[in-house]
Amino acid sequence: MSADGQMEEAKTTYREAMREALRDALSADDRVFLMGEDVGRYGGCFGVSLGLLEEFGPERIRDTPLSESAFVGAGIGAALAGMRPIVEIMTVNFSLLALDQILNNAATLLHMSGGQLPVPLVIRMTTGAGRQLAAQHSHSLEGWYAHIPGIRVLAPATIEDARHMLAPALADPDPVLIFEHGSLYNVSGELSPPAAPVDIDHATVRRPGTDISLITYGGSLSKALAAADELSTEGTSAEVVDLRTLRPLDNEAISATVARTHRAVIVDEAWRTGSLAAEISARIAEESFYELDAPVERVCSAEVPIPYARRLEEAALPQIADVVAAAHRAVG
């Protein structure tokens, strides 16, 4: 705290912000516990839960067997019993081993029970490519999960959202999936005290602009902001919209940014075919067609399993130059 009584910004990382969010949740509510592979003594595959076992004990920080279906199912059961479990899945590809639990149980029980069985479960998982983890651990499957009714899908792209999205996620009566892009864990910056609780219902404008909208989420936000910086040197004003919540999508925010700029580029690390970018593009066509002065552009990953070799991986993923080129096509 400063001499004048104001709360000061603190230097931290995305990883540390997630850890503090977990610590706050565990301290605030005895019903909250964390479970997953290596979350205890090892401190989590990406170090997010490091030190929490020593602080909260093995009843609250639970290492699980290597069976995603089993421990996600246990989390669903705990939520049904009145607990507030946080389940960590190492990487999004492993979540496919628990897809039956997520799709057929967590997402449906409230509706199949006539509202009698809410499932207040939070599932965290690492997503995304760019770290030379090859085709096994470089998936961006957020769009798959955003397809499923009955769950909420979050993609914190900033240190602030990493720190403050967990609390409203735990307060949500429905299952919430939080996708943490692996490239963000080491990102550092200043963390200001929150002016208000983080809004997990609406997108936000990270940079205002007038000529074109760059619509993105998660690990691609930094690329969109860098592309906007480059475009500004050419005299093009790009608005950058961070979706934040992928289900439900904030239709009003998408329509509003298109109404302001009349052009849109959607940046999505997932594969182009059947992607979240395709859904957003369709909604723009349905709801904002007459606002458009140019076709919607999409910048997505190449339609290949992500390669291991650094240069091939970079070539397969959306890059700043790709976003700038798409903006040039739209602006003309």
Protein backbone atom coordinates (compact mmCIF):
# COMPACT_ATOMS: atom_id res chain seq x y z
CA MET A 1 0.00 0.00 0.00
CA SER A 2 1.33 3.44 -0.92
CA ALA A 3 1.84 6.34 1.47
CA ASP A 4 -1.49 7.87 0.43
CA GLY A 5 -3.37 4.69 1.27
CA GLN A 6 -3.86 3.49 -2.31
CA MET A 7 -3.35 -0.16 -3.24
CA GLU A 8 -0.26 -0.52 -5.43
CA GLU A 9 0.23 -2.72 -8.48
CA ALA A 10 2.21 -5.91 -7.84
CA LYS A 11 4.59 -7.61 -10.27
CA THR A 12 3.55 -11.20 -10.92
CA THR A 13 3.16 -13.85 -13.60
CA TYR A 14 0.13 -15.57 -15.12
CA ARG A 15 1.15 -18.76 -13.27
CA GLU A 16 1.43 -16.98 -9.92
CA ALA A 17 -1.88 -15.22 -10.51
CA MET A 18 -3.58 -18.59 -11.05
CA ARG A 19 -1.93 -19.90 -7.86
CA GLU A 20 -3.18 -16.92 -5.85
CA ALA A 21 -6.67 -17.46 -7.24
CA LEU A 22 -6.55 -21.07 -6.07
CA ARG A 23 -5.19 -20.04 -2.66
CA ASP A 24 -7.99 -17.49 -2.21
CA ALA A 25 -10.66 -20.02 -3.21
CA LEU A 26 -9.31 -22.68 -0.83
CA SER A 27 -9.06 -20.19 2.02
CA ALA A 28 -12.51 -18.72 1.49
CA ASP A 29 -14.56 -21.91 1.30
CA ASP A 30 -13.91 -25.26 3.02
CA ARG A 31 -15.92 -26.99 0.29
CA VAL A 32 -13.29 -26.11 -2.33
CA PHE A 33 -10.55 -28.62 -3.10
CA LEU A 34 -8.14 -29.20 -5.98
CA MET A 35 -7.65 -32.59 -7.59
CA GLY A 36 -5.69 -33.89 -10.56
CA GLU A 37 -2.51 -35.58 -11.69
CA ASP A 38 0.61 -34.32 -9.88
CA VAL A 39 -1.12 -31.28 -8.37
CA GLY A 40 0.27 -32.06 -4.90
CA ARG A 41 3.94 -32.74 -4.19
CA TYR A 42 5.00 -32.03 -7.76
CA GLY A 43 3.12 -28.72 -7.73
CA GLY A 44 1.21 -29.28 -10.95
CA CYS A 45 2.51 -30.08 -14.42
CA PHE A 46 2.99 -26.34 -15.04
CA GLY A 47 3.78 -25.37 -11.45
CA VAL A 48 0.46 -23.63 -10.79
CA SER A 49 -0.29 -25.45 -7.52
CA LEU A 50 3.28 -25.42 -6.18
CA GLY A 51 3.24 -25.06 -2.37
CA LEU A 52 -0.51 -25.51 -1.92
CA LEU A 53 -0.17 -29.08 -0.58
CA GLU A 54 2.04 -27.86 2.26
CA GLU A 55 -0.41 -25.07 3.00
CA PHE A 56 -3.75 -26.89 2.77
CA GLY A 57 -2.89 -30.58 3.19
CA PRO A 58 -3.68 -33.73 1.21
CA GLU A 59 -7.43 -33.58 1.86
CA ARG A 60 -7.68 -30.29 -0.05
CA ILE A 61 -4.90 -30.85 -2.63
CA ARG A 62 -5.50 -34.35 -3.96
CA ASP A 63 -3.20 -36.23 -6.31
CA THR A 64 -5.17 -38.65 -8.47
CA PRO A 65 -4.44 -41.79 -10.47
CA LEU A 66 -3.70 -41.39 -14.18
CA SER A 67 -7.32 -41.76 -15.26
CA GLU A 68 -9.07 -38.60 -16.47
CA SER A 69 -12.42 -40.32 -16.72
CA ALA A 70 -12.14 -41.46 -13.09
CA PHE A 71 -11.06 -38.21 -11.48
CA VAL A 72 -13.35 -35.98 -13.54
CA GLY A 73 -16.17 -38.36 -12.62
CA ALA A 74 -15.13 -38.09 -8.96
CA GLY A 75 -15.24 -34.32 -9.29
CA ILE A 76 -18.77 -34.50 -10.70
CA GLY A 77 -19.81 -36.71 -7.80
CA ALA A 78 -18.26 -34.34 -5.27
CA ALA A 79 -20.08 -31.38 -6.85
CA LEU A 80 -23.38 -33.27 -6.70
CA ALA A 81 -22.67 -33.92 -3.01
CA GLY A 82 -22.29 -30.20 -2.27
CA MET A 83 -18.54 -29.70 -2.60
CA ARG A 84 -16.87 -27.17 -4.91
CA PRO A 85 -14.18 -29.19 -6.69
CA ILE A 86 -11.53 -27.75 -9.00
CA VAL A 87 -10.29 -30.47 -11.33
CA GLU A 88 -7.01 -29.96 -13.18
CA ILE A 89 -6.41 -31.82 -16.45
CA MET A 90 -2.78 -31.53 -17.56
CA THR A 91 -3.42 -30.67 -21.21
CA VAL A 92 -6.54 -30.41 -23.33
CA ASN A 93 -5.78 -33.56 -25.33
CA PHE A 94 -6.10 -35.60 -22.12
CA SER A 95 -9.57 -34.14 -21.57
CA LEU A 96 -10.78 -36.32 -24.44
CA LEU A 97 -10.37 -39.29 -22.10
CA ALA A 98 -12.97 -37.63 -19.85
CA LEU A 99 -15.25 -36.36 -22.63
CA ASP A 100 -17.97 -38.85 -21.70
CA GLN A 101 -18.01 -37.49 -18.15
CA ILE A 102 -18.01 -33.84 -19.29
CA LEU A 103 -20.55 -34.19 -22.09
CA ASN A 104 -22.88 -36.90 -20.84
CA ASN A 105 -22.79 -36.18 -17.11
CA ALA A 106 -21.54 -32.74 -16.08
CA ALA A 107 -23.33 -30.88 -18.87
CA THR A 108 -26.60 -32.80 -18.76
CA LEU A 109 -27.46 -33.83 -15.19
CA LEU A 110 -29.14 -30.53 -14.29
CA HIS A 111 -31.38 -30.73 -17.33
CA MET A 112 -32.08 -34.46 -17.12
CA SER A 113 -33.08 -34.13 -13.46
CA GLY A 114 -35.55 -31.31 -13.96
CA GLY A 115 -33.21 -28.85 -12.24
CA GLN A 116 -32.64 -31.03 -9.17
CA LEU A 117 -28.96 -31.89 -9.75
CA PRO A 118 -26.71 -28.89 -10.42
CA VAL A 119 -23.02 -29.66 -11.01
CA PRO A 120 -20.95 -26.70 -9.68
CA LEU A 121 -17.66 -28.06 -10.99
CA VAL A 122 -14.63 -26.17 -12.33
CA ILE A 123 -12.26 -27.95 -14.72
CA ARG A 124 -8.95 -26.27 -15.55
CA MET A 125 -6.75 -27.39 -18.40
CA THR A 126 -3.79 -26.18 -20.44
CA THR A 127 -4.37 -25.59 -24.13
CA GLY A 128 -2.59 -24.37 -27.21
CA ALA A 129 0.59 -24.83 -29.21
CA GLY A 130 3.83 -22.92 -29.74
CA ARG A 131 5.98 -24.81 -27.23
CA GLN A 132 7.31 -27.66 -29.42
CA LEU A 133 5.14 -30.31 -27.81
CA ALA A 134 4.22 -31.78 -31.19
CA ALA A 135 0.88 -33.27 -32.18
CA GLN A 136 0.28 -34.96 -28.81
CA HIS A 137 0.08 -31.83 -26.64
CA SER A 138 -0.55 -28.87 -28.94
CA HIS A 139 -4.31 -28.96 -29.42
CA SER A 140 -6.68 -26.00 -29.26
CA LEU A 141 -10.02 -27.69 -28.65
CA GLU A 142 -11.86 -24.88 -26.88
CA GLY A 143 -14.25 -24.64 -29.82
CA TRP A 144 -15.23 -28.27 -29.37
CA TYR A 145 -16.27 -27.62 -25.80
CA ALA A 146 -17.95 -24.34 -26.72
CA HIS A 147 -20.27 -26.48 -28.84
CA ILE A 148 -21.72 -28.22 -25.75
CA PRO A 149 -24.84 -26.79 -24.06
CA GLY A 150 -24.88 -26.95 -20.27
CA ILE A 151 -21.32 -25.75 -19.62
CA ARG A 152 -19.52 -22.41 -19.54
CA VAL A 153 -16.18 -22.07 -21.33
CA LEU A 154 -13.64 -19.42 -20.23
CA ALA A 155 -10.32 -18.41 -21.79
CA PRO A 156 -8.38 -16.02 -19.52
CA ALA A 157 -5.89 -14.16 -21.71
CA THR A 158 -4.45 -11.71 -19.18
CA ILE A 159 -2.87 -11.86 -15.74
CA GLU A 160 -5.91 -10.04 -14.34
CA ASP A 161 -8.33 -12.62 -15.74
CA ALA A 162 -6.10 -15.48 -14.59
CA ARG A 163 -6.22 -14.01 -11.08
CA HIS A 164 -9.89 -13.12 -10.88
CA MET A 165 -11.91 -15.46 -13.14
CA LEU A 166 -11.79 -18.43 -10.78
CA ALA A 167 -14.02 -16.92 -8.08
CA PRO A 168 -17.03 -16.26 -10.34
CA ALA A 169 -16.43 -19.63 -12.02
CA LEU A 170 -16.75 -21.36 -8.64
CA ALA A 171 -19.90 -19.35 -7.91
CA ASP A 172 -21.52 -20.52 -11.15
CA PRO A 173 -24.05 -23.31 -10.55
CA ASP A 174 -23.12 -24.94 -13.87
CA PRO A 175 -19.88 -26.69 -14.85
CA VAL A 176 -17.17 -24.24 -15.96
CA LEU A 177 -14.19 -25.16 -18.12
CA ILE A 178 -11.18 -22.82 -17.92
CA PHE A 179 -8.65 -23.04 -20.77
CA GLU A 180 -5.21 -21.69 -19.87
CA HIS A 181 -2.91 -21.24 -22.86
CA GLY A 182 0.46 -22.82 -22.09
CA SER A 183 2.40 -19.91 -23.57
CA LEU A 184 0.93 -17.55 -20.96
CA TYR A 185 2.21 -19.12 -17.72
CA ASN A 186 5.55 -17.27 -17.80
CA VAL A 187 4.07 -13.95 -18.92
CA SER A 188 4.76 -11.30 -16.28
CA GLY A 189 3.25 -7.93 -15.60
CA GLU A 190 1.67 -5.62 -13.09
CA LEU A 191 -1.47 -6.81 -11.36
CA SER A 192 -3.75 -4.05 -10.14
CA PRO A 193 -6.32 -4.59 -7.39
CA PRO A 194 -9.67 -5.31 -9.10
CA ALA A 195 -12.02 -2.35 -9.47
CA ALA A 196 -14.89 -4.84 -9.70
CA PRO A 197 -15.35 -8.61 -10.00
CA VAL A 198 -14.26 -10.00 -13.36
CA ASP A 199 -17.19 -10.28 -15.74
CA ILE A 200 -17.41 -13.83 -17.12
CA ASP A 201 -20.51 -13.04 -19.18
CA HIS A 202 -19.11 -10.47 -21.60
CA ALA A 203 -16.26 -9.86 -24.00
CA THR A 204 -14.07 -6.79 -23.53
CA VAL A 205 -12.32 -4.34 -25.82
CA ARG A 206 -8.58 -4.49 -25.09
CA ARG A 207 -7.76 -1.74 -27.59
CA PRO A 208 -10.26 0.66 -29.22
CA GLY A 209 -10.13 1.28 -32.95
CA THR A 210 -12.13 2.58 -35.87
CA ASP A 211 -10.99 0.82 -39.07
CA ILE A 212 -11.07 -2.91 -38.38
CA SER A 213 -11.91 -5.34 -35.56
CA LEU A 214 -9.49 -8.07 -34.51
CA ILE A 215 -11.58 -10.61 -32.59
CA THR A 216 -9.72 -13.24 -30.58
CA TYR A 217 -9.20 -14.95 -27.21
CA GLY A 218 -6.65 -16.68 -24.99
CA GLY A 219 -3.12 -17.08 -26.25
CA SER A 220 -3.83 -15.24 -29.50
CA LEU A 221 -4.65 -11.95 -27.76
CA SER A 222 -1.00 -10.86 -27.59
CA LYS A 223 -0.61 -11.51 -31.33
CA ALA A 224 -3.72 -9.49 -32.12
CA LEU A 225 -2.47 -6.59 -29.98
CA ALA A 226 0.95 -6.72 -31.65
CA ALA A 227 -0.73 -6.75 -35.07
CA ALA A 228 -2.78 -3.72 -34.04
CA ASP A 229 0.44 -1.94 -33.06
CA GLU A 230 1.95 -2.69 -36.46
CA LEU A 231 -1.18 -1.58 -38.29
CA SER A 232 -1.21 1.68 -36.36
CA THR A 233 2.19 2.58 -37.79
CA GLU A 234 0.56 2.36 -41.22
CA GLY A 235 -2.36 4.56 -40.25
CA THR A 236 -4.89 1.76 -39.69
CA SER A 237 -6.77 1.85 -36.39
CA ALA A 238 -7.52 -1.70 -35.21
CA GLU A 239 -9.91 -2.51 -32.39
CA VAL A 240 -8.95 -5.65 -30.45
CA VAL A 241 -11.76 -7.62 -28.82
CA ASP A 242 -10.99 -10.32 -26.24
CA LEU A 243 -13.92 -12.76 -26.19
CA ARG A 244 -12.98 -14.07 -22.70
CA THR A 245 -16.04 -16.33 -22.57
CA LEU A 246 -16.42 -18.76 -25.46
CA ARG A 247 -19.70 -20.21 -24.28
CA PRO A 248 -21.93 -18.33 -24.14
CA LEU A 249 -20.48 -16.03 -26.80
CA ASP A 250 -21.15 -12.33 -26.30
CA ASN A 251 -23.15 -11.65 -29.47
CA GLU A 252 -23.76 -8.03 -28.53
CA ALA A 253 -20.04 -7.28 -28.22
CA ILE A 254 -19.31 -8.92 -31.56
CA SER A 255 -22.08 -7.01 -33.30
CA ALA A 256 -21.05 -3.76 -31.61
CA THR A 257 -17.42 -3.92 -32.72
CA VAL A 258 -18.44 -4.72 -36.31
CA ALA A 259 -20.84 -1.77 -36.23
CA ARG A 260 -17.97 0.50 -35.19
CA THR A 261 -15.35 -0.65 -37.70
CA HIS A 262 -17.31 -2.43 -40.48
CA ARG A 263 -14.54 -4.98 -40.97
CA ALA A 264 -13.49 -8.03 -38.97
CA VAL A 265 -10.58 -10.42 -38.67
CA ILE A 266 -11.07 -13.43 -36.38
CA VAL A 267 -7.88 -14.89 -34.92
CA ASP A 268 -8.31 -18.45 -33.66
CA GLU A 269 -5.49 -20.93 -33.00
CA ALA A 270 -7.82 -23.86 -33.66
CA TRP A 271 -8.10 -25.49 -37.07
CA ARG A 272 -10.18 -23.48 -39.53
CA THR A 273 -12.73 -26.19 -40.42
CA GLY A 274 -15.61 -26.26 -37.95
CA SER A 275 -13.82 -23.76 -35.73
CA LEU A 276 -15.01 -21.18 -33.24
CA ALA A 277 -13.86 -18.66 -35.86
CA ALA A 278 -16.38 -20.22 -38.26
CA GLU A 279 -19.17 -19.81 -35.70
CA ILE A 280 -18.29 -16.16 -35.07
CA SER A 281 -18.09 -15.50 -38.80
CA ALA A 282 -21.53 -17.05 -39.26
CA ARG A 283 -23.00 -14.92 -36.48
CA ILE A 284 -21.57 -11.78 -38.02
CA ALA A 285 -23.15 -12.77 -41.35
CA GLU A 286 -26.48 -13.44 -39.66
CA GLU A 287 -26.65 -10.41 -37.41
CA SER A 288 -24.33 -7.74 -38.86
CA PHE A 289 -24.20 -8.42 -42.60
CA TYR A 290 -25.24 -4.93 -43.64
CA GLU A 291 -22.61 -3.38 -41.37
CA LEU A 292 -19.79 -5.08 -43.28
CA ASP A 293 -17.72 -3.22 -45.87
CA ALA A 294 -15.58 -6.29 -46.63
CA PRO A 295 -15.76 -10.07 -46.19
CA VAL A 296 -14.88 -11.44 -42.76
CA GLU A 297 -11.30 -12.75 -42.60
CA ARG A 298 -10.22 -15.76 -40.51
CA VAL A 299 -6.68 -16.47 -39.34
CA CYS A 300 -6.43 -20.04 -38.03
CA SER A 301 -3.93 -22.87 -37.72
CA ALA A 302 -2.99 -24.95 -40.75
CA GLU A 303 -5.09 -28.07 -41.21
CA VAL A 304 -2.35 -30.45 -40.04
CA PRO A 305 -1.38 -32.09 -36.77
CA ILE A 306 0.92 -29.52 -35.15
CA PRO A 307 4.55 -30.32 -36.10
CA TYR A 308 7.37 -30.63 -33.60
CA ALA A 309 10.08 -28.78 -35.54
CA ARG A 310 10.18 -25.14 -34.45
CA ARG A 311 9.95 -23.55 -37.89
CA LEU A 312 7.24 -25.92 -39.05
CA GLU A 313 5.26 -25.27 -35.86
CA GLU A 314 5.54 -21.52 -36.38
CA ALA A 315 4.43 -21.92 -39.99
CA ALA A 316 1.37 -23.91 -38.89
CA LEU A 317 0.19 -21.40 -36.28
CA PRO A 318 -1.37 -17.94 -36.71
CA GLN A 319 1.36 -15.31 -36.54
CA ILE A 320 1.35 -11.53 -36.28
CA ALA A 321 2.21 -11.19 -39.97
CA ASP A 322 -0.80 -13.35 -40.88
CA VAL A 323 -3.13 -11.11 -38.87
CA VAL A 324 -1.68 -7.98 -40.48
CA ALA A 325 -2.04 -9.50 -43.95
CA ALA A 326 -5.69 -10.41 -43.26
CA ALA A 327 -6.32 -6.84 -42.06
CA HIS A 328 -4.77 -5.49 -45.26
CA ARG A 329 -7.12 -7.66 -47.35
CA ALA A 330 -10.13 -6.41 -45.41
CA VAL A 331 -9.18 -2.74 -45.41
CA GLY A 332 -8.10 -2.83 -49.06
